[in-house]
């Protein structure tokens, strides 16, 4: 798969541009913003490569994965935003309430203005559901719908209550957000974190996904083979 990686936002999130047809893509975890001086970088990449984003997916709701929503919605007003319902309070008109809790824990309150009044979610990610079913009511080509049918949503709580991974068994790809890192996993000391739950989620991923699955994580080294983490 010829996906593209951009590092965005104050914590250098791995933002993925994932092709689902010749010109259509999905965007995963955009965080570009004025604070990090990269606002509009995702939109600029899409425009310069004549790509049409059909959806934005959030692996979870933390500030460093959601700050780019405003610029994407401004450029593409009809683009749907998807997040798990358990993390939905991190975005929308009251996003500052949840975001401020995480930012306070990290001593990073100065970032709050960049995640206030974020766009509302348009659809929710549901465990076991395909992305084709998730976005069935939104316009896209038949080729894109066929491609999205190969992607399965895995609800993997622990880093946050609504953390999700996206798995494509046919292509052996997992977008893990902040649930799985190379020889590590996401922190559980922030809002919605739970060490017991993340360990259960890690076990589920190892049992559910094929050993040769390529994992694309939310930070740091972008990709590694799942079996390398055993």
C-alpha atoms as a PDB file:
ATOM      1  CA  UNK A   1       0.000   0.000   0.000  1.00  0.00           C
ATOM      2  CA  UNK A   2       1.390   3.374  -1.022  1.00  0.00           C
ATOM      3  CA  UNK A   3       0.353   5.325   2.069  1.00  0.00           C
ATOM      4  CA  UNK A   4       1.924   8.638   3.019  1.00  0.00           C
ATOM      5  CA  UNK A   5       3.122   9.723   6.453  1.00  0.00           C
ATOM      6  CA  UNK A   6       3.164  13.282   7.752  1.00  0.00           C
ATOM      7  CA  UNK A   7       4.447  14.274  11.197  1.00  0.00           C
ATOM      8  CA  UNK A   8       2.043  16.863  12.593  1.00  0.00           C
ATOM      9  CA  UNK A   9       1.291  18.831  15.719  1.00  0.00           C
ATOM     10  CA  UNK A  10       3.187  19.645  18.915  1.00  0.00           C
ATOM     11  CA  UNK A  11       4.024  15.994  19.695  1.00  0.00           C
ATOM     12  CA  UNK A  12       4.829  14.921  16.129  1.00  0.00           C
ATOM     13  CA  UNK A  13       1.849  12.639  15.597  1.00  0.00           C
ATOM     14  CA  UNK A  14       2.059  10.156  12.744  1.00  0.00           C
ATOM     15  CA  UNK A  15      -0.681  11.364  10.424  1.00  0.00           C
ATOM     16  CA  UNK A  16      -1.458   8.816   7.731  1.00  0.00           C
ATOM     17  CA  UNK A  17      -2.885   9.524   4.296  1.00  0.00           C
ATOM     18  CA  UNK A  18      -4.284   6.161   3.201  1.00  0.00           C
ATOM     19  CA  UNK A  19      -5.288   5.576  -0.451  1.00  0.00           C
ATOM     20  CA  UNK A  20      -8.610   3.832  -1.006  1.00  0.00           C
ATOM     21  CA  UNK A  21      -8.962   4.485  -4.744  1.00  0.00           C
ATOM     22  CA  UNK A  22      -6.915   6.160  -7.447  1.00  0.00           C
ATOM     23  CA  UNK A  23      -7.622   9.640  -6.075  1.00  0.00           C
ATOM     24  CA  UNK A  24      -9.563   9.134  -2.807  1.00  0.00           C
ATOM     25  CA  UNK A  25      -7.959   8.796   0.618  1.00  0.00           C
ATOM     26  CA  UNK A  26      -8.769   8.645   4.292  1.00  0.00           C
ATOM     27  CA  UNK A  27      -6.884  10.770   6.819  1.00  0.00           C
ATOM     28  CA  UNK A  28      -5.927   9.263  10.169  1.00  0.00           C
ATOM     29  CA  UNK A  29      -5.096  11.491  13.161  1.00  0.00           C
ATOM     30  CA  UNK A  30      -4.340  14.951  11.775  1.00  0.00           C
ATOM     31  CA  UNK A  31      -2.827  17.361  14.320  1.00  0.00           C
ATOM     32  CA  UNK A  32      -1.374  20.212  12.282  1.00  0.00           C
ATOM     33  CA  UNK A  33      -2.040  23.595  13.878  1.00  0.00           C
ATOM     34  CA  UNK A  34      -0.722  27.114  14.334  1.00  0.00           C
ATOM     35  CA  UNK A  35       0.968  26.243  17.640  1.00  0.00           C
ATOM     36  CA  UNK A  36       3.332  23.808  15.920  1.00  0.00           C
ATOM     37  CA  UNK A  37       3.629  26.056  12.859  1.00  0.00           C
ATOM     38  CA  UNK A  38       2.353  23.394  10.492  1.00  0.00           C
ATOM     39  CA  UNK A  39      -1.279  24.450  10.192  1.00  0.00           C
ATOM     40  CA  UNK A  40      -2.692  23.438   6.830  1.00  0.00           C
ATOM     41  CA  UNK A  41       0.108  21.003   6.026  1.00  0.00           C
ATOM     42  CA  UNK A  42      -2.294  18.086   5.603  1.00  0.00           C
ATOM     43  CA  UNK A  43      -4.617  20.097   3.356  1.00  0.00           C
ATOM     44  CA  UNK A  44      -1.631  21.338   1.379  1.00  0.00           C
ATOM     45  CA  UNK A  45      -0.382  17.806   0.797  1.00  0.00           C
ATOM     46  CA  UNK A  46      -3.818  16.637  -0.333  1.00  0.00           C
ATOM     47  CA  UNK A  47      -4.265  19.571  -2.686  1.00  0.00           C
ATOM     48  CA  UNK A  48      -0.786  19.390  -4.224  1.00  0.00           C
ATOM     49  CA  UNK A  49      -1.254  15.685  -4.941  1.00  0.00           C
ATOM     50  CA  UNK A  50      -4.834  16.116  -6.204  1.00  0.00           C
ATOM     51  CA  UNK A  51      -6.192  13.751  -3.572  1.00  0.00           C
ATOM     52  CA  UNK A  52      -9.789  13.756  -2.347  1.00  0.00           C
ATOM     53  CA  UNK A  53     -10.207  12.972   1.377  1.00  0.00           C
ATOM     54  CA  UNK A  54     -13.460  11.092   1.954  1.00  0.00           C
ATOM     55  CA  UNK A  55     -13.174  10.695   5.749  1.00  0.00           C
ATOM     56  CA  UNK A  56     -11.142  11.605   8.826  1.00  0.00           C
ATOM     57  CA  UNK A  57     -10.602   8.848  11.379  1.00  0.00           C
ATOM     58  CA  UNK A  58      -9.416   9.420  14.923  1.00  0.00           C
ATOM     59  CA  UNK A  59      -7.777   6.522  16.725  1.00  0.00           C
ATOM     60  CA  UNK A  60      -8.601   8.360  19.961  1.00  0.00           C
ATOM     61  CA  UNK A  61      -9.460  11.817  21.225  1.00  0.00           C
ATOM     62  CA  UNK A  62      -6.309  13.232  22.831  1.00  0.00           C
ATOM     63  CA  UNK A  63      -5.321  16.778  21.862  1.00  0.00           C
ATOM     64  CA  UNK A  64      -2.281  15.706  19.872  1.00  0.00           C
ATOM     65  CA  UNK A  65      -4.417  13.602  17.524  1.00  0.00           C
ATOM     66  CA  UNK A  66      -7.299  16.024  17.016  1.00  0.00           C
ATOM     67  CA  UNK A  67      -5.852  19.527  16.628  1.00  0.00           C
ATOM     68  CA  UNK A  68      -5.899  19.324  12.827  1.00  0.00           C
ATOM     69  CA  UNK A  69      -9.653  18.834  12.583  1.00  0.00           C
ATOM     70  CA  UNK A  70     -10.431  22.534  12.210  1.00  0.00           C
ATOM     71  CA  UNK A  71      -8.250  23.079   9.149  1.00  0.00           C
ATOM     72  CA  UNK A  72      -9.535  19.904   7.492  1.00  0.00           C
ATOM     73  CA  UNK A  73     -13.174  20.838   8.070  1.00  0.00           C
ATOM     74  CA  UNK A  74     -12.542  24.351   6.816  1.00  0.00           C
ATOM     75  CA  UNK A  75     -11.052  23.048   3.579  1.00  0.00           C
ATOM     76  CA  UNK A  76     -13.510  20.149   3.205  1.00  0.00           C
ATOM     77  CA  UNK A  77     -16.756  21.115   4.996  1.00  0.00           C
ATOM     78  CA  UNK A  78     -18.584  17.915   4.080  1.00  0.00           C
ATOM     79  CA  UNK A  79     -15.857  15.497   5.128  1.00  0.00           C
ATOM     80  CA  UNK A  80     -17.123  13.145   7.893  1.00  0.00           C
ATOM     81  CA  UNK A  81     -15.188  12.791  11.135  1.00  0.00           C
ATOM     82  CA  UNK A  82     -15.237   9.398  12.856  1.00  0.00           C
ATOM     83  CA  UNK A  83     -14.312   8.602  16.448  1.00  0.00           C
ATOM     84  CA  UNK A  84     -15.427   6.002  18.974  1.00  0.00           C
ATOM     85  CA  UNK A  85     -18.382   7.166  21.047  1.00  0.00           C
ATOM     86  CA  UNK A  86     -16.431   6.676  24.293  1.00  0.00           C
ATOM     87  CA  UNK A  87     -13.981   9.380  23.162  1.00  0.00           C
ATOM     88  CA  UNK A  88     -16.502  11.649  21.461  1.00  0.00           C
ATOM     89  CA  UNK A  89     -16.418  14.211  24.292  1.00  0.00           C
ATOM     90  CA  UNK A  90     -12.846  15.070  23.280  1.00  0.00           C
ATOM     91  CA  UNK A  91     -14.171  16.809  20.165  1.00  0.00           C
ATOM     92  CA  UNK A  92     -17.208  18.964  19.367  1.00  0.00           C
ATOM     93  CA  UNK A  93     -18.296  22.305  20.801  1.00  0.00           C
ATOM     94  CA  UNK A  94     -17.479  21.292  24.394  1.00  0.00           C
ATOM     95  CA  UNK A  95     -14.109  19.720  23.593  1.00  0.00           C
ATOM     96  CA  UNK A  96     -12.256  22.046  25.955  1.00  0.00           C
ATOM     97  CA  UNK A  97     -13.743  20.276  28.989  1.00  0.00           C
ATOM     98  CA  UNK A  98     -12.112  16.908  28.284  1.00  0.00           C
ATOM     99  CA  UNK A  99      -9.037  18.269  26.542  1.00  0.00           C
ATOM    100  CA  UNK A 100      -8.206  20.548  29.463  1.00  0.00           C
ATOM    101  CA  UNK A 101      -8.066  17.566  31.806  1.00  0.00           C
ATOM    102  CA  UNK A 102      -5.361  15.831  29.780  1.00  0.00           C
ATOM    103  CA  UNK A 103      -3.474  19.059  29.150  1.00  0.00           C
ATOM    104  CA  UNK A 104      -3.514  19.919  32.855  1.00  0.00           C
ATOM    105  CA  UNK A 105      -2.099  16.508  33.712  1.00  0.00           C
ATOM    106  CA  UNK A 106       0.777  17.176  31.306  1.00  0.00           C
ATOM    107  CA  UNK A 107       1.330  20.789  32.336  1.00  0.00           C
ATOM    108  CA  UNK A 108       0.521  21.870  28.789  1.00  0.00           C
ATOM    109  CA  UNK A 109      -2.481  24.132  29.370  1.00  0.00           C
ATOM    110  CA  UNK A 110      -1.159  26.659  26.830  1.00  0.00           C
ATOM    111  CA  UNK A 111      -2.307  24.324  24.062  1.00  0.00           C
ATOM    112  CA  UNK A 112      -5.975  24.425  25.071  1.00  0.00           C
ATOM    113  CA  UNK A 113      -7.007  27.203  22.617  1.00  0.00           C
ATOM    114  CA  UNK A 114      -6.021  24.914  19.733  1.00  0.00           C
ATOM    115  CA  UNK A 115      -8.452  22.175  20.751  1.00  0.00           C
ATOM    116  CA  UNK A 116     -11.395  24.304  21.859  1.00  0.00           C
ATOM    117  CA  UNK A 117     -14.671  24.006  19.949  1.00  0.00           C
ATOM    118  CA  UNK A 118     -13.440  21.292  17.627  1.00  0.00           C
ATOM    119  CA  UNK A 119     -15.775  20.030  14.879  1.00  0.00           C
ATOM    120  CA  UNK A 120     -18.475  17.600  15.935  1.00  0.00           C
ATOM    121  CA  UNK A 121     -18.213  13.877  15.135  1.00  0.00           C
ATOM    122  CA  UNK A 122     -20.309  12.775  12.165  1.00  0.00           C
ATOM    123  CA  UNK A 123     -20.177   9.031  12.758  1.00  0.00           C
ATOM    124  CA  UNK A 124     -18.919   6.647  15.426  1.00  0.00           C
ATOM    125  CA  UNK A 125     -16.393   3.855  15.102  1.00  0.00           C
ATOM    126  CA  UNK A 126     -17.867   0.566  16.337  1.00  0.00           C
ATOM    127  CA  UNK A 127     -15.989  -2.586  17.277  1.00  0.00           C
ATOM    128  CA  UNK A 128     -16.190  -5.291  14.613  1.00  0.00           C
ATOM    129  CA  UNK A 129     -17.683  -2.997  11.991  1.00  0.00           C
ATOM    130  CA  UNK A 130     -16.051  -2.361   8.618  1.00  0.00           C
ATOM    131  CA  UNK A 131     -15.209   1.134   7.453  1.00  0.00           C
ATOM    132  CA  UNK A 132     -17.459   0.576   4.447  1.00  0.00           C
ATOM    133  CA  UNK A 133     -20.417   0.093   6.788  1.00  0.00           C
ATOM    134  CA  UNK A 134     -19.305   3.009   8.950  1.00  0.00           C
ATOM    135  CA  UNK A 135     -19.311   5.440   6.040  1.00  0.00           C
ATOM    136  CA  UNK A 136     -22.109   3.844   4.003  1.00  0.00           C
ATOM    137  CA  UNK A 137     -24.213   7.028   4.023  1.00  0.00           C
ATOM    138  CA  UNK A 138     -21.417   9.301   2.775  1.00  0.00           C
ATOM    139  CA  UNK A 139     -20.535   9.883  -0.897  1.00  0.00           C
ATOM    140  CA  UNK A 140     -17.543   8.105  -2.387  1.00  0.00           C
ATOM    141  CA  UNK A 141     -16.755   5.954  -5.392  1.00  0.00           C
ATOM    142  CA  UNK A 142     -17.563   2.261  -5.604  1.00  0.00           C
ATOM    143  CA  UNK A 143     -13.838   1.564  -5.680  1.00  0.00           C
ATOM    144  CA  UNK A 144     -13.438   3.411  -2.388  1.00  0.00           C
ATOM    145  CA  UNK A 145     -16.335   1.527  -0.806  1.00  0.00           C
ATOM    146  CA  UNK A 146     -14.803  -1.771  -1.902  1.00  0.00           C
ATOM    147  CA  UNK A 147     -11.477  -0.783  -0.387  1.00  0.00           C
ATOM    148  CA  UNK A 148     -13.028   0.327   2.904  1.00  0.00           C
ATOM    149  CA  UNK A 149     -14.833  -2.992   3.202  1.00  0.00           C
ATOM    150  CA  UNK A 150     -11.434  -4.584   3.896  1.00  0.00           C
ATOM    151  CA  UNK A 151     -10.845  -2.441   6.979  1.00  0.00           C
ATOM    152  CA  UNK A 152     -12.123  -3.633  10.347  1.00  0.00           C
ATOM    153  CA  UNK A 153     -12.500  -1.518  13.474  1.00  0.00           C
ATOM    154  CA  UNK A 154     -11.053  -2.933  16.700  1.00  0.00           C
ATOM    155  CA  UNK A 155     -12.064  -1.176  19.913  1.00  0.00           C
ATOM    156  CA  UNK A 156      -8.908  -1.311  22.033  1.00  0.00           C
ATOM    157  CA  UNK A 157      -9.477   0.652  25.262  1.00  0.00           C
ATOM    158  CA  UNK A 158      -6.677   1.358  27.689  1.00  0.00           C
ATOM    159  CA  UNK A 159      -4.862   4.435  26.423  1.00  0.00           C
ATOM    160  CA  UNK A 160      -8.299   6.055  26.417  1.00  0.00           C
ATOM    161  CA  UNK A 161     -11.750   4.520  26.780  1.00  0.00           C
ATOM    162  CA  UNK A 162     -12.468   4.942  23.084  1.00  0.00           C
ATOM    163  CA  UNK A 163      -9.111   4.021  21.576  1.00  0.00           C
ATOM    164  CA  UNK A 164      -9.454   2.078  18.329  1.00  0.00           C
ATOM    165  CA  UNK A 165      -7.214   0.302  15.862  1.00  0.00           C
ATOM    166  CA  UNK A 166      -7.908  -0.262  12.161  1.00  0.00           C
ATOM    167  CA  UNK A 167      -7.029  -3.686  10.736  1.00  0.00           C
ATOM    168  CA  UNK A 168      -6.782  -4.883   7.152  1.00  0.00           C
ATOM    169  CA  UNK A 169      -6.257  -8.652   7.206  1.00  0.00           C
ATOM    170  CA  UNK A 170      -5.842  -8.931   3.439  1.00  0.00           C
ATOM    171  CA  UNK A 171      -3.004  -6.423   3.312  1.00  0.00           C
ATOM    172  CA  UNK A 172      -1.697  -7.271   6.804  1.00  0.00           C
ATOM    173  CA  UNK A 173      -1.816  -3.693   8.082  1.00  0.00           C
ATOM    174  CA  UNK A 174      -2.789  -2.335  11.503  1.00  0.00           C
ATOM    175  CA  UNK A 175      -3.099   1.346  12.363  1.00  0.00           C
ATOM    176  CA  UNK A 176      -2.651   1.211  16.114  1.00  0.00           C
ATOM    177  CA  UNK A 177      -2.871   4.818  17.248  1.00  0.00           C
ATOM    178  CA  UNK A 178      -1.320   5.044  20.720  1.00  0.00           C
ATOM    179  CA  UNK A 179      -2.303   1.519  21.742  1.00  0.00           C
ATOM    180  CA  UNK A 180       0.726  -0.323  20.324  1.00  0.00           C
ATOM    181  CA  UNK A 181       4.251   1.002  19.914  1.00  0.00           C
ATOM    182  CA  UNK A 182       7.453  -0.826  19.052  1.00  0.00           C
ATOM    183  CA  UNK A 183       8.203  -2.966  22.121  1.00  0.00           C
ATOM    184  CA  UNK A 184       5.871  -0.743  24.116  1.00  0.00           C
ATOM    185  CA  UNK A 185       2.304   0.509  24.470  1.00  0.00           C
ATOM    186  CA  UNK A 186       0.441   3.719  25.178  1.00  0.00           C
ATOM    187  CA  UNK A 187       0.536   5.477  28.525  1.00  0.00           C
ATOM    188  CA  UNK A 188      -2.415   4.903  30.834  1.00  0.00           C
ATOM    189  CA  UNK A 189      -2.017   7.742  33.327  1.00  0.00           C
ATOM    190  CA  UNK A 190      -4.050  10.315  31.375  1.00  0.00           C
ATOM    191  CA  UNK A 191      -7.815  10.801  31.224  1.00  0.00           C
ATOM    192  CA  UNK A 192      -9.530   7.536  30.306  1.00  0.00           C
ATOM    193  CA  UNK A 193      -6.376   5.461  30.729  1.00  0.00           C
ATOM    194  CA  UNK A 194      -6.505   2.011  32.292  1.00  0.00           C
ATOM    195  CA  UNK A 195      -3.525  -0.349  32.546  1.00  0.00           C
ATOM    196  CA  UNK A 196      -5.624  -3.501  32.892  1.00  0.00           C
ATOM    197  CA  UNK A 197      -7.683  -2.634  29.836  1.00  0.00           C
ATOM    198  CA  UNK A 198      -4.712  -1.828  27.640  1.00  0.00           C
ATOM    199  CA  UNK A 199      -3.089  -5.147  28.503  1.00  0.00           C
ATOM    200  CA  UNK A 200      -6.317  -6.890  27.519  1.00  0.00           C
ATOM    201  CA  UNK A 201      -6.365  -4.906  24.278  1.00  0.00           C
ATOM    202  CA  UNK A 202      -2.767  -5.859  23.514  1.00  0.00           C
ATOM    203  CA  UNK A 203      -3.588  -9.526  24.024  1.00  0.00           C
ATOM    204  CA  UNK A 204      -6.596  -9.209  21.752  1.00  0.00           C
ATOM    205  CA  UNK A 205      -4.495  -7.629  19.007  1.00  0.00           C
ATOM    206  CA  UNK A 206      -1.838 -10.333  19.212  1.00  0.00           C
ATOM    207  CA  UNK A 207      -4.461 -13.070  19.074  1.00  0.00           C
ATOM    208  CA  UNK A 208      -6.646 -11.472  16.405  1.00  0.00           C
ATOM    209  CA  UNK A 209      -4.061 -10.127  13.953  1.00  0.00           C
ATOM    210  CA  UNK A 210      -1.695 -12.192  11.836  1.00  0.00           C
ATOM    211  CA  UNK A 211       1.919 -12.352  13.020  1.00  0.00           C
ATOM    212  CA  UNK A 212       3.239 -10.692   9.861  1.00  0.00           C
ATOM    213  CA  UNK A 213       0.943  -7.689  10.205  1.00  0.00           C
ATOM    214  CA  UNK A 214       2.713  -4.371   9.647  1.00  0.00           C
ATOM    215  CA  UNK A 215       1.864  -2.033  12.506  1.00  0.00           C
ATOM    216  CA  UNK A 216       1.687   1.715  11.912  1.00  0.00           C
ATOM    217  CA  UNK A 217       1.689   3.486  15.266  1.00  0.00           C
ATOM    218  CA  UNK A 218       0.684   6.976  16.349  1.00  0.00           C
ATOM    219  CA  UNK A 219       4.167   8.239  17.255  1.00  0.00           C
ATOM    220  CA  UNK A 220       7.862   7.455  16.959  1.00  0.00           C
ATOM    221  CA  UNK A 221       9.019   4.746  14.563  1.00  0.00           C
ATOM    222  CA  UNK A 222       6.107   4.476  12.204  1.00  0.00           C
ATOM    223  CA  UNK A 223       6.130   0.810  11.272  1.00  0.00           C
ATOM    224  CA  UNK A 224       7.188  -2.604  12.508  1.00  0.00           C
ATOM    225  CA  UNK A 225       6.048  -6.197  12.177  1.00  0.00           C
ATOM    226  CA  UNK A 226       3.638  -7.251  14.924  1.00  0.00           C
ATOM    227  CA  UNK A 227       5.577 -10.426  15.772  1.00  0.00           C
ATOM    228  CA  UNK A 228       8.605  -8.280  16.651  1.00  0.00           C
ATOM    229  CA  UNK A 229       6.696  -7.190  19.749  1.00  0.00           C
ATOM    230  CA  UNK A 230       6.256 -10.716  21.134  1.00  0.00           C
END
